Amino acid sequence: MALGPLMIDLLGKELLADEREMLKHPLVGGVILFTRNFDNRKQIEQLVSEVRAVRPRPFLVAVDYEGGRVQRFRKDFTVLPPLRTVGQVYEHQQQAGLLLARQMGWLLAAELRAVDIDLSFGPVVDLDYGASTVIGDRSFHRNSKVVGQLAVSMMQGMRDAGLAAVAKHFPGHGAVVADSHVALPIDHRSHAELSPDMFPYTCLIEQQLPAIMAAHVVFDQIDPLPASFSRKWLVDELREKLRFEGAVFSDDLSMEGASIMGPMPVRARSALAAGCDMVLICNDREAVLRTLKELDSQSDSSNASRLVKLQGFNRLTYDDLMANEQWQSIQKNVTRYLDATWFSV
């Protein structure tokens, strides 16, 4: 069965009969998991196994797993510090910050791979301008060069453990006050003024970044459409100028920042036409059903080939991971930064 361009969510901790039928639809190519889907490690591993039974690989299973306040699984998983802490460690001692970024990437990836998850929507590479509360401590730093270095280190750690990184939110969500979950943010800066925001993507693309997630933010000096629906951003800038060859995801099309594009099937069609390889529809089951009914079949082989490359690899079982000396050492180092007094050690 082909890898379709829609990523959908599930309602609870068990796979429902109607969800099994939706997963079989040729337009569905992936599932994103949330906290509501999680109780403990064994349960989430079983849920992923049930999804795989309905849709074997290359079907993608994803989760938002950044550390800090955006970490969907906690019980039986290592609680991770926010990315801002990584930036603070870097300021204190650069090599320690780079090591922490790589170790966090490896740790979160190894634990997610142990339950057979393919990719995490992270790291966040938005700059911390102090304007966006929805970004806030999810950002590494204000300095674009620091963000670029730390993001590359985290991506490499994730890759070492077999998980694809998805940098977000292209081309940048850090300078707008509005939260695209509940409003349409508009950034009035010129293209030249946006160059710091795009610098981390340049660093990551040079190191074979697997995927990005586009922002529901309008940059009105460049295009009146949100970046997630803009060929100027996704094709002219990302594909042609930055030479990005990985996969492009939309942010959740149910967010208010996407509503400007109309009904959900229109949003999905518009995002795919603009250059997204896969679009997310979350927290709106009726919208998913309408889109599956109304969206034309997508047959672009280049889209599918980019998505297939995001499958996870190098999976260790949970028991093997817990016995792994690398996990034990890294887990000890990463968790010590949860203590606010780490800088005095």
Protein backbone atom coordinates (compact mmCIF):
# COMPACT_ATOMS: atom_id res chain seq x y z
CA MET A 1 0.00 0.00 0.00
CA ALA A 2 1.36 3.44 -0.96
CA LEU A 3 2.50 5.99 1.60
CA GLY A 4 -0.25 8.62 1.47
CA PRO A 5 0.18 12.35 2.20
CA LEU A 6 -2.02 12.63 5.32
CA MET A 7 -0.90 12.17 8.92
CA ILE A 8 -3.79 11.77 11.34
CA ASP A 9 -4.25 11.34 15.10
CA LEU A 10 -5.94 8.75 17.29
CA LEU A 11 -8.55 9.42 19.96
CA GLY A 12 -7.30 7.33 22.85
CA LYS A 13 -5.01 4.67 24.26
CA GLU A 14 -6.45 1.84 22.17
CA LEU A 15 -7.01 1.59 18.44
CA LEU A 16 -10.71 1.87 17.63
CA ALA A 17 -12.49 -0.07 14.89
CA ASP A 18 -13.20 3.03 12.79
CA GLU A 19 -9.58 4.13 13.19
CA ARG A 20 -8.43 0.80 11.77
CA GLU A 21 -10.52 1.53 8.70
CA MET A 22 -9.11 5.06 8.36
CA LEU A 23 -5.55 3.75 8.60
CA LYS A 24 -6.24 1.50 5.60
CA HIS A 25 -7.17 4.47 3.42
CA PRO A 26 -4.53 5.04 0.70
CA LEU A 27 -4.34 8.76 1.49
CA VAL A 28 -3.18 8.07 5.06
CA GLY A 29 0.58 7.69 5.40
CA GLY A 30 1.19 8.30 9.08
CA VAL A 31 -0.06 8.72 12.63
CA ILE A 32 0.94 11.30 15.24
CA LEU A 33 0.63 10.35 18.90
CA PHE A 34 -0.25 12.68 21.78
CA THR A 35 -0.34 12.51 25.58
CA ARG A 36 -3.95 11.31 25.41
CA ASN A 37 -2.68 8.19 23.63
CA PHE A 38 -0.18 7.39 26.38
CA ASP A 39 -0.43 5.59 29.70
CA ASN A 40 2.89 3.81 30.02
CA ARG A 41 5.67 2.31 27.93
CA LYS A 42 4.11 -1.13 27.44
CA GLN A 43 0.78 0.38 26.46
CA ILE A 44 2.26 2.77 23.87
CA GLU A 45 4.39 -0.02 22.43
CA GLN A 46 1.26 -2.14 22.07
CA LEU A 47 -0.64 0.72 20.42
CA VAL A 48 2.15 1.24 17.89
CA SER A 49 2.22 -2.53 17.26
CA GLU A 50 -1.53 -2.48 16.54
CA VAL A 51 -1.06 0.40 14.09
CA ARG A 52 1.76 -1.51 12.37
CA ALA A 53 -0.46 -4.59 12.10
CA VAL A 54 -3.01 -2.56 10.15
CA ARG A 55 -0.41 -0.58 8.17
CA PRO A 56 3.03 -2.20 7.93
CA ARG A 57 6.08 -0.12 7.07
CA PRO A 58 6.79 2.28 5.44
CA PHE A 59 3.84 3.79 7.36
CA LEU A 60 5.17 6.52 9.68
CA VAL A 61 4.51 6.87 13.41
CA ALA A 62 5.47 10.26 14.87
CA VAL A 63 5.29 12.28 18.07
CA ASP A 64 6.10 15.79 19.32
CA TYR A 65 9.04 15.13 21.61
CA GLU A 66 11.20 18.18 22.23
CA GLY A 67 11.94 18.02 25.94
CA GLY A 68 10.64 20.48 28.53
CA ARG A 69 6.93 21.21 28.29
CA VAL A 70 6.55 19.42 24.95
CA GLN A 71 7.25 15.80 25.78
CA ARG A 72 4.23 13.59 25.18
CA PHE A 73 5.50 10.53 27.08
CA ARG A 74 6.90 10.78 30.61
CA LYS A 75 6.17 7.70 32.73
CA ASP A 76 8.84 5.05 31.95
CA PHE A 77 10.67 7.59 29.77
CA THR A 78 13.47 9.96 30.72
CA VAL A 79 12.13 13.44 31.49
CA LEU A 80 14.17 15.88 29.41
CA PRO A 81 15.06 19.51 30.12
CA PRO A 82 13.80 22.25 27.75
CA LEU A 83 16.01 23.30 24.85
CA ARG A 84 16.64 26.66 26.55
CA THR A 85 18.61 24.77 29.19
CA VAL A 86 20.85 23.38 26.44
CA GLY A 87 21.51 26.92 25.26
CA GLN A 88 22.31 28.03 28.80
CA VAL A 89 24.78 25.17 29.20
CA TYR A 90 26.39 26.23 25.92
CA GLU A 91 26.81 29.77 27.25
CA HIS A 92 28.41 28.36 30.40
CA GLN A 93 30.70 25.97 28.49
CA GLN A 94 30.36 25.51 24.73
CA GLN A 95 31.57 21.92 24.50
CA ALA A 96 29.30 20.87 27.36
CA GLY A 97 26.34 22.45 25.55
CA LEU A 98 27.14 20.70 22.28
CA LEU A 99 27.56 17.40 24.10
CA LEU A 100 24.26 17.85 25.93
CA ALA A 101 22.44 18.58 22.66
CA ARG A 102 23.84 15.45 21.04
CA GLN A 103 23.16 13.30 24.09
CA MET A 104 19.59 14.59 24.42
CA GLY A 105 19.03 13.80 20.76
CA TRP A 106 20.39 10.29 21.18
CA LEU A 107 18.49 9.63 24.41
CA LEU A 108 15.07 10.75 23.21
CA ALA A 109 15.59 8.92 19.93
CA ALA A 110 16.75 5.67 21.51
CA GLU A 111 13.77 5.62 23.89
CA LEU A 112 11.30 6.40 21.11
CA ARG A 113 12.83 3.77 18.83
CA ALA A 114 12.44 1.23 21.65
CA VAL A 115 8.66 1.58 21.20
CA ASP A 116 9.00 1.62 17.37
CA ILE A 117 8.36 5.31 16.69
CA ASP A 118 9.91 6.65 13.48
CA LEU A 119 10.31 10.36 13.94
CA SER A 120 10.04 13.24 16.37
CA PHE A 121 8.82 16.68 15.37
CA GLY A 122 11.87 18.44 16.69
CA PRO A 123 14.17 20.11 17.33
CA VAL A 124 12.65 23.58 17.45
CA VAL A 125 15.06 25.95 15.71
CA ASP A 126 13.03 29.14 16.14
CA LEU A 127 15.07 31.95 17.65
CA ASP A 128 14.17 33.16 21.14
CA TYR A 129 13.37 36.81 20.53
CA GLY A 130 11.38 36.96 23.76
CA ALA A 131 8.22 37.75 21.79
CA SER A 132 6.55 34.37 21.42
CA THR A 133 5.22 32.68 24.55
CA VAL A 134 4.25 29.58 22.57
CA ILE A 135 7.94 29.16 21.67
CA GLY A 136 9.68 30.56 24.78
CA ASP A 137 11.91 27.95 26.43
CA ARG A 138 11.32 25.57 23.52
CA SER A 139 14.04 27.56 21.73
CA PHE A 140 17.74 26.90 22.20
CA HIS A 141 18.84 30.53 22.10
CA ARG A 142 18.49 33.99 20.60
CA ASN A 143 21.73 33.75 18.62
CA SER A 144 21.22 32.02 15.27
CA LYS A 145 24.75 30.60 15.16
CA VAL A 146 24.29 29.00 18.58
CA VAL A 147 20.93 27.56 17.50
CA GLY A 148 22.50 26.20 14.32
CA GLN A 149 25.31 24.44 16.16
CA LEU A 150 23.08 22.97 18.86
CA ALA A 151 20.43 21.86 16.39
CA VAL A 152 23.00 20.04 14.26
CA SER A 153 24.37 18.29 17.36
CA MET A 154 20.89 17.20 18.43
CA MET A 155 20.02 15.99 14.92
CA GLN A 156 23.23 13.95 14.79
CA GLY A 157 22.44 12.36 18.14
CA MET A 158 18.97 11.45 16.93
CA ARG A 159 20.41 9.99 13.74
CA ASP A 160 22.91 7.90 15.72
CA ALA A 161 19.99 6.26 17.54
CA GLY A 162 17.92 5.70 14.39
CA LEU A 163 15.32 8.49 14.51
CA ALA A 164 14.61 11.19 11.95
CA ALA A 165 14.68 14.83 13.09
CA VAL A 166 12.11 17.33 11.84
CA ALA A 167 13.29 20.93 12.30
CA LYS A 168 10.53 23.46 12.94
CA HIS A 169 8.89 25.92 12.36
CA PHE A 170 10.19 27.03 8.94
CA PRO A 171 11.11 29.78 8.29
CA GLY A 172 10.66 30.97 11.90
CA HIS A 173 8.00 31.43 14.59
CA GLY A 174 10.06 33.17 17.26
CA ALA A 175 9.51 36.83 16.37
CA VAL A 176 5.70 36.94 16.40
CA VAL A 177 3.57 37.38 19.50
CA ALA A 178 0.50 35.52 18.25
CA ASP A 179 0.24 31.76 18.75
CA SER A 180 -0.64 30.05 15.44
CA HIS A 181 -2.73 27.49 17.37
CA VAL A 182 -5.30 30.20 18.08
CA ALA A 183 -4.52 33.06 15.66
CA LEU A 184 -2.78 33.86 12.38
CA PRO A 185 0.60 35.44 13.21
CA ILE A 186 1.94 38.04 10.78
CA ASP A 187 5.64 38.84 10.63
CA HIS A 188 6.38 42.17 8.91
CA ARG A 189 10.12 41.75 8.50
CA SER A 190 11.85 41.85 5.14
CA HIS A 191 13.58 38.86 3.59
CA ALA A 192 16.96 40.25 4.65
CA GLU A 193 15.78 40.67 8.23
CA LEU A 194 14.71 37.01 8.25
CA SER A 195 18.17 35.69 7.38
CA PRO A 196 19.10 34.93 11.04
CA ASP A 197 15.94 32.80 11.41
CA MET A 198 16.86 30.77 8.35
CA PHE A 199 20.51 30.33 9.27
CA PRO A 200 19.93 27.22 11.44
CA TYR A 201 18.18 25.57 8.48
CA THR A 202 21.24 26.24 6.33
CA CYS A 203 23.42 24.52 8.93
CA LEU A 204 21.07 21.55 9.20
CA ILE A 205 20.59 21.15 5.44
CA GLU A 206 24.36 21.02 4.97
CA GLN A 207 24.30 18.02 7.32
CA GLN A 208 21.46 16.23 5.46
CA LEU A 209 18.46 17.31 7.53
CA PRO A 210 15.75 14.65 6.97
CA ALA A 211 12.66 16.88 7.28
CA ILE A 212 11.19 20.24 8.23
CA MET A 213 7.81 21.42 9.46
CA ALA A 214 6.46 24.63 7.95
CA ALA A 215 4.92 27.39 10.06
CA HIS A 216 1.41 28.81 9.84
CA VAL A 217 2.91 32.32 9.86
CA VAL A 218 2.43 35.00 7.22
CA PHE A 219 5.54 36.93 6.21
CA ASP A 220 3.70 39.67 4.38
CA GLN A 221 6.77 41.27 2.83
CA ILE A 222 7.34 38.01 0.93
CA ASP A 223 3.93 36.36 0.43
CA PRO A 224 0.38 37.00 1.72
CA LEU A 225 -0.07 33.27 2.37
CA PRO A 226 1.17 31.45 5.47
CA ALA A 227 4.53 29.77 4.83
CA SER A 228 2.92 26.33 5.07
CA PHE A 229 0.82 27.18 1.98
CA SER A 230 3.40 29.23 0.10
CA ARG A 231 5.32 28.01 -2.94
CA LYS A 232 7.58 31.03 -2.55
CA TRP A 233 8.72 29.62 0.78
CA LEU A 234 8.54 25.88 0.21
CA VAL A 235 9.75 25.73 -3.39
CA ASP A 236 11.56 28.96 -4.29
CA GLU A 237 13.29 29.40 -0.95
CA LEU A 238 13.53 25.95 0.62
CA ARG A 239 13.96 23.66 -2.39
CA GLU A 240 15.69 25.94 -4.89
CA LYS A 241 17.69 28.44 -2.84
CA LEU A 242 18.52 26.33 0.24
CA ARG A 243 18.76 23.09 -1.80
CA PHE A 244 16.71 21.12 0.72
CA GLU A 245 16.10 17.54 -0.41
CA GLY A 246 14.27 16.16 2.61
CA ALA A 247 10.57 15.91 3.42
CA VAL A 248 8.29 18.86 4.19
CA PHE A 249 5.44 18.59 6.71
CA SER A 250 2.73 21.13 7.34
CA ASP A 251 1.98 22.07 10.90
CA ASP A 252 -1.43 20.86 12.08
CA LEU A 253 -4.02 22.09 9.57
CA SER A 254 -6.61 22.27 12.37
CA MET A 255 -4.77 25.20 13.91
CA GLU A 256 -6.30 28.65 13.60
CA GLY A 257 -3.29 29.86 11.61
CA ALA A 258 -4.38 27.57 8.76
CA SER A 259 -8.06 28.56 8.75
CA ILE A 260 -7.46 31.38 6.29
CA MET A 261 -7.23 28.72 3.58
CA GLY A 262 -10.83 27.53 3.95
CA PRO A 263 -12.39 24.11 4.68
CA MET A 264 -10.08 21.27 5.65
CA PRO A 265 -9.97 19.48 2.27
CA VAL A 266 -9.01 22.79 0.66
CA ARG A 267 -6.32 23.37 3.28
CA ALA A 268 -4.85 19.94 2.64
CA ARG A 269 -4.97 20.33 -1.13
CA SER A 270 -3.41 23.81 -0.94
CA ALA A 271 -0.58 22.76 1.36
CA LEU A 272 0.30 19.78 -0.84
CA ALA A 273 0.18 21.95 -3.95
CA ALA A 274 2.48 24.48 -2.29
CA GLY A 275 5.17 21.86 -1.67
CA CYS A 276 4.31 19.90 1.47
CA ASP A 277 4.94 16.18 1.21
CA MET A 278 2.67 15.32 4.15
CA VAL A 279 0.04 17.33 6.01
CA LEU A 280 -1.17 16.86 9.58
CA ILE A 281 -4.84 16.93 10.58
CA CYS A 282 -5.27 16.58 14.35
CA ASN A 283 -8.02 16.97 16.94
CA ASP A 284 -10.84 17.08 14.36
CA ARG A 285 -12.11 13.64 13.34
CA GLU A 286 -14.88 15.01 11.11
CA ALA A 287 -12.33 17.09 9.21
CA VAL A 288 -10.21 13.99 8.64
CA LEU A 289 -13.20 12.09 7.27
CA ARG A 290 -14.18 14.96 4.95
CA THR A 291 -10.64 15.22 3.67
CA LEU A 292 -10.38 11.50 3.00
CA LYS A 293 -13.62 11.72 1.04
CA GLU A 294 -12.83 14.86 -0.96
CA LEU A 295 -9.05 14.98 -1.44
CA ASP A 296 -7.80 13.74 -4.79
CA SER A 297 -5.41 10.82 -4.74
CA GLN A 298 -1.79 11.95 -4.62
CA SER A 299 0.63 9.97 -6.78
CA ASP A 300 3.82 12.05 -6.79
CA SER A 301 6.59 9.46 -6.41
CA SER A 302 9.12 12.05 -5.24
CA ASN A 303 6.92 12.90 -2.25
CA ALA A 304 6.63 9.24 -1.28
CA SER A 305 10.35 8.57 -1.68
CA ARG A 306 11.24 11.46 0.64
CA LEU A 307 8.79 10.19 3.25
CA VAL A 308 9.96 6.57 3.06
CA LYS A 309 13.45 7.71 4.04
CA LEU A 310 12.08 8.83 7.43
CA GLN A 311 11.49 5.29 8.68
CA GLY A 312 13.23 4.54 11.95
CA PHE A 313 16.13 2.09 12.22
CA ASN A 314 18.58 0.66 14.82
CA ARG A 315 15.84 -0.33 17.25
CA LEU A 316 16.85 -1.77 20.63
CA THR A 317 14.30 -3.45 22.87
CA TYR A 318 13.50 -1.64 26.09
CA ASP A 319 15.33 -4.24 28.19
CA ASP A 320 18.41 -4.06 25.98
CA LEU A 321 18.34 -0.29 26.12
CA MET A 322 18.16 -0.21 29.92
CA ALA A 323 21.16 -2.54 30.07
CA ASN A 324 23.11 -0.48 27.55
CA GLU A 325 26.06 1.32 29.15
CA GLN A 326 25.75 4.20 26.69
CA TRP A 327 22.12 4.77 27.73
CA GLN A 328 23.04 4.60 31.42
CA SER A 329 25.85 7.16 31.05
CA ILE A 330 23.91 9.56 28.82
CA GLN A 331 20.74 9.34 30.89
CA LYS A 332 22.70 10.24 34.02
CA ASN A 333 24.35 13.24 32.36
CA VAL A 334 21.19 14.60 30.72
CA THR A 335 18.99 14.34 33.81
CA ARG A 336 21.41 16.24 36.00
CA TYR A 337 20.49 19.35 34.01
CA LEU A 338 16.92 19.11 35.31
CA ASP A 339 18.35 20.51 38.54
CA ALA A 340 18.52 24.32 38.39
CA THR A 341 21.81 24.25 40.29
CA TRP A 342 23.69 22.38 37.55
CA PHE A 343 25.79 25.46 36.73
CA SER A 344 27.40 25.39 40.19
CA VAL A 345 28.53 21.76 39.89
